[in-house]
Protein backbone atom coordinates (compact mmCIF):
# COMPACT_ATOMS: atom_id res chain seq x y z
CA MET A 1 -0.21 0.12 -0.18
CA THR A 2 0.98 3.70 -0.89
CA LYS A 3 2.48 5.27 2.03
CA ARG A 4 0.98 9.26 2.21
CA VAL A 5 3.82 12.01 3.45
CA ALA A 6 3.20 14.89 4.40
CA ILE A 7 6.49 17.65 4.31
CA LEU A 8 7.11 20.66 6.85
CA ILE A 9 8.70 23.45 5.13
CA SER A 10 10.12 27.24 5.85
CA GLY A 11 11.80 28.61 3.62
CA GLY A 12 12.05 28.08 -0.10
CA GLY A 13 11.43 23.76 0.32
CA SER A 14 14.56 22.93 -2.01
CA ASN A 15 14.28 19.69 0.18
CA MET A 16 11.03 19.82 -0.58
CA VAL A 17 10.68 19.61 -4.13
CA ALA A 18 13.57 16.82 -4.14
CA LEU A 19 11.42 14.38 -2.17
CA ALA A 20 8.60 15.60 -4.07
CA ARG A 21 10.35 14.55 -7.44
CA SER A 22 11.81 11.40 -6.15
CA MET A 23 7.78 10.03 -5.21
CA THR A 24 7.40 9.07 -8.68
CA GLY A 25 6.73 5.65 -10.53
CA ASP A 26 7.48 2.54 -8.56
CA HIS A 27 8.64 4.58 -5.48
CA PRO A 28 6.30 3.44 -2.32
CA ALA A 29 4.91 6.67 -1.36
CA ARG A 30 3.17 10.25 -2.00
CA PRO A 31 3.48 13.70 -1.19
CA VAL A 32 -0.13 14.39 0.17
CA LEU A 33 1.05 17.75 1.79
CA VAL A 34 3.11 20.39 1.99
CA ALA A 35 2.55 22.83 5.25
CA SER A 36 4.88 25.91 6.69
CA ASN A 37 4.92 27.77 9.44
CA ASP A 38 5.25 31.41 7.11
CA PRO A 39 2.40 31.48 4.78
CA GLN A 40 4.62 33.44 2.06
CA ALA A 41 7.35 30.38 2.38
CA GLY A 42 8.58 30.32 -1.43
CA GLY A 43 8.72 26.27 -1.08
CA LEU A 44 4.39 26.15 -1.10
CA ALA A 45 3.94 27.92 -4.41
CA LYS A 46 6.21 25.24 -5.27
CA ALA A 47 4.58 22.63 -4.16
CA ALA A 48 1.17 23.96 -5.73
CA ASP A 49 2.51 24.07 -9.27
CA MET A 50 3.58 20.65 -8.08
CA GLY A 51 0.05 19.50 -7.76
CA ILE A 52 0.47 19.06 -4.23
CA ALA A 53 -1.77 20.29 -1.54
CA THR A 54 -0.47 22.99 0.51
CA ALA A 55 -1.19 24.84 3.82
CA SER A 56 0.24 27.10 6.49
CA VAL A 57 0.13 27.81 9.80
CA ASP A 58 1.65 30.84 10.49
CA HIS A 59 3.67 30.87 13.75
CA ARG A 60 4.04 34.47 14.84
CA PRO A 61 -0.16 35.06 16.23
CA PHE A 62 0.89 32.55 18.68
CA LYS A 63 3.69 34.60 20.47
CA GLY A 64 5.36 31.71 21.96
CA ASP A 65 2.50 29.32 22.43
CA ARG A 66 4.13 26.33 20.96
CA ALA A 67 1.84 24.24 21.94
CA ALA A 68 -1.56 26.58 21.16
CA PHE A 69 0.87 26.44 17.03
CA GLU A 70 0.81 22.77 17.17
CA ALA A 71 -2.63 21.87 17.97
CA GLU A 72 -3.52 23.83 14.60
CA LEU A 73 -0.82 22.13 12.77
CA GLN A 74 -2.14 18.98 14.12
CA LYS A 75 -5.67 19.56 12.41
CA ILE A 76 -4.29 20.20 8.94
CA LEU A 77 -1.72 16.88 9.44
CA THR A 78 -4.75 15.17 10.97
CA GLU A 79 -6.79 16.13 7.63
CA ALA A 80 -4.35 14.91 5.71
CA ARG A 81 -3.51 11.16 7.14
CA PRO A 82 -0.09 10.93 5.96
CA ASP A 83 1.42 8.00 7.62
CA ILE A 84 4.60 9.72 7.36
CA LEU A 85 6.10 13.75 8.27
CA CYS A 86 9.18 14.93 6.63
CA LEU A 87 11.35 18.13 8.17
CA ALA A 88 12.44 19.70 5.40
CA GLY A 89 14.12 22.99 6.31
CA PHE A 90 11.34 23.44 9.12
CA MET A 91 12.60 25.92 11.46
CA ARG A 92 10.15 25.94 14.54
CA ILE A 93 11.57 23.52 17.27
CA LEU A 94 8.49 21.15 18.00
CA THR A 95 7.45 20.31 21.61
CA PRO A 96 7.88 16.60 23.11
CA GLU A 97 4.16 16.09 22.67
CA PHE A 98 3.95 16.59 19.27
CA ILE A 99 7.06 15.00 18.49
CA ASP A 100 5.68 11.78 20.95
CA SER A 101 2.25 11.75 18.58
CA TRP A 102 4.74 11.21 15.34
CA ALA A 103 7.37 8.56 17.25
CA GLY A 104 8.55 6.28 14.45
CA LYS A 105 6.72 8.52 11.54
CA MET A 106 9.08 11.41 11.60
CA LEU A 107 12.39 12.14 9.67
CA ASN A 108 14.47 15.27 9.82
CA ILE A 109 17.66 16.61 7.77
CA HIS A 110 20.25 18.57 9.57
CA PRO A 111 23.10 19.97 7.91
CA SER A 112 26.15 18.34 9.47
CA LEU A 113 27.66 14.93 10.27
CA LEU A 114 26.08 14.29 13.28
CA PRO A 115 26.81 14.00 16.48
CA LYS A 116 28.50 16.83 15.20
CA TYR A 117 27.23 20.52 15.65
CA LYS A 118 23.42 20.03 16.20
CA GLY A 119 21.59 23.37 15.87
CA LEU A 120 22.56 26.23 13.64
CA HIS A 121 25.55 27.76 11.79
CA THR A 122 27.14 24.29 11.13
CA HIS A 123 28.90 25.01 8.24
CA ALA A 124 30.65 27.77 10.09
CA ARG A 125 31.56 25.27 12.96
CA ALA A 126 33.00 22.57 10.58
CA LEU A 127 35.48 25.31 9.13
CA GLU A 128 36.04 26.63 12.12
CA ALA A 129 36.75 23.64 14.05
CA GLY A 130 39.39 22.36 11.61
CA ASP A 131 37.12 19.32 10.33
CA ALA A 132 38.52 17.55 7.47
CA GLU A 133 34.99 16.44 6.27
CA HIS A 134 31.54 17.55 6.52
CA GLY A 135 28.38 16.61 5.49
CA CYS A 136 24.11 16.30 5.96
CA THR A 137 22.04 13.84 8.12
CA VAL A 138 18.64 12.52 7.68
CA HIS A 139 17.56 11.07 11.61
CA GLU A 140 14.43 10.11 12.69
CA VAL A 141 12.85 12.94 15.15
CA THR A 142 13.11 12.54 18.83
CA ALA A 143 12.40 15.07 22.01
CA GLU A 144 16.36 15.98 22.09
CA LEU A 145 17.01 18.67 19.24
CA ASP A 146 19.00 17.17 16.12
CA ASP A 147 19.53 13.60 18.00
CA GLY A 148 17.69 10.38 16.75
CA PRO A 149 18.26 7.11 15.37
CA ILE A 150 20.69 8.22 12.24
CA LEU A 151 19.26 6.92 9.05
CA GLY A 152 22.05 7.89 6.40
CA GLN A 153 24.60 10.95 5.80
CA ALA A 154 26.08 12.26 2.70
CA ARG A 155 30.01 13.72 3.03
CA VAL A 156 31.93 16.06 1.29
CA PRO A 157 35.65 17.43 1.84
CA ILE A 158 36.46 20.72 3.01
CA LEU A 159 38.67 22.46 1.17
CA ALA A 160 41.50 25.03 1.84
CA ASP A 161 39.70 27.86 0.82
CA ASP A 162 36.11 27.11 1.59
CA THR A 163 33.87 29.40 3.50
CA PRO A 164 30.66 28.37 5.35
CA GLU A 165 28.73 29.95 1.73
CA THR A 166 30.81 27.67 -0.21
CA LEU A 167 30.36 24.54 1.84
CA ALA A 168 26.61 25.09 2.05
CA ALA A 169 26.38 25.22 -1.48
CA ARG A 170 28.49 21.88 -2.27
CA VAL A 171 26.64 20.20 1.04
CA LEU A 172 23.25 21.23 -0.84
CA PRO A 173 23.09 19.18 -3.86
CA MET A 174 23.81 16.06 -1.31
CA GLU A 175 20.97 16.63 0.85
CA HIS A 176 18.57 16.55 -2.14
CA LYS A 177 20.22 13.28 -3.04
CA LEU A 178 20.63 11.48 0.33
CA TYR A 179 16.89 12.67 1.69
CA PRO A 180 15.14 10.98 -1.30
CA ALA A 181 17.08 7.99 -0.85
CA VAL A 182 16.72 7.45 2.97
CA LEU A 183 12.88 8.23 2.44
CA ARG A 184 12.57 5.17 -0.03
CA GLN A 185 14.00 2.88 2.35
CA TYR A 186 12.49 4.15 5.31
CA VAL A 187 8.51 4.07 4.42
CA ILE A 188 9.21 0.11 3.59
CA GLY A 189 10.66 -0.17 7.32
CA ASN A 190 14.15 -0.41 6.32
CA ARG A 191 16.47 1.56 8.63
CA ALA A 192 19.63 0.51 7.18
CA LEU A 193 22.56 3.45 7.00
CA VAL A 194 22.76 4.94 3.55
CA GLU A 195 26.23 6.56 3.06
CA ILE A 196 26.53 9.07 -0.01
CA SER A 197 30.23 10.45 -0.53
């Protein structure tokens, strides 16, 4: 049976586009919703152009009441009935209660080789540390920020003249390869580590 996938975004949605484009043909899943915490997120128009239902819950009126924001988000998700929730550049920290309600059904992509560099500014932090390589990780979401079982990693070498911007530009295409590869396995229950370099 085909699995239903909802994707949460906050911006341009490049990883969402990569995921949605991958869910065709013999893929065991289909995108049923792209939702955002920003009604102006560029990815919503991209999703609509691809024929995917869209929705938004603006987080700003909730002014720090995450539970109330998430209650509205859950209403939208309940209507879409997804089997799996993919966070793709969704820049809101979710409460443990929300995460628990999607336990074992929620994925995230993070721009570092976790467990290194949880949180923000990952490219700059990798450069400051003098690392030889950097990359991205797809993991199951748990209540701990950027934690949870690692399902896939893609690696790029760090070059001598790299800046955070050039490094980010090389990691992003790897994100677009890794996330669809992990999702394809995940929807059929395969949790084997996907590695790309």
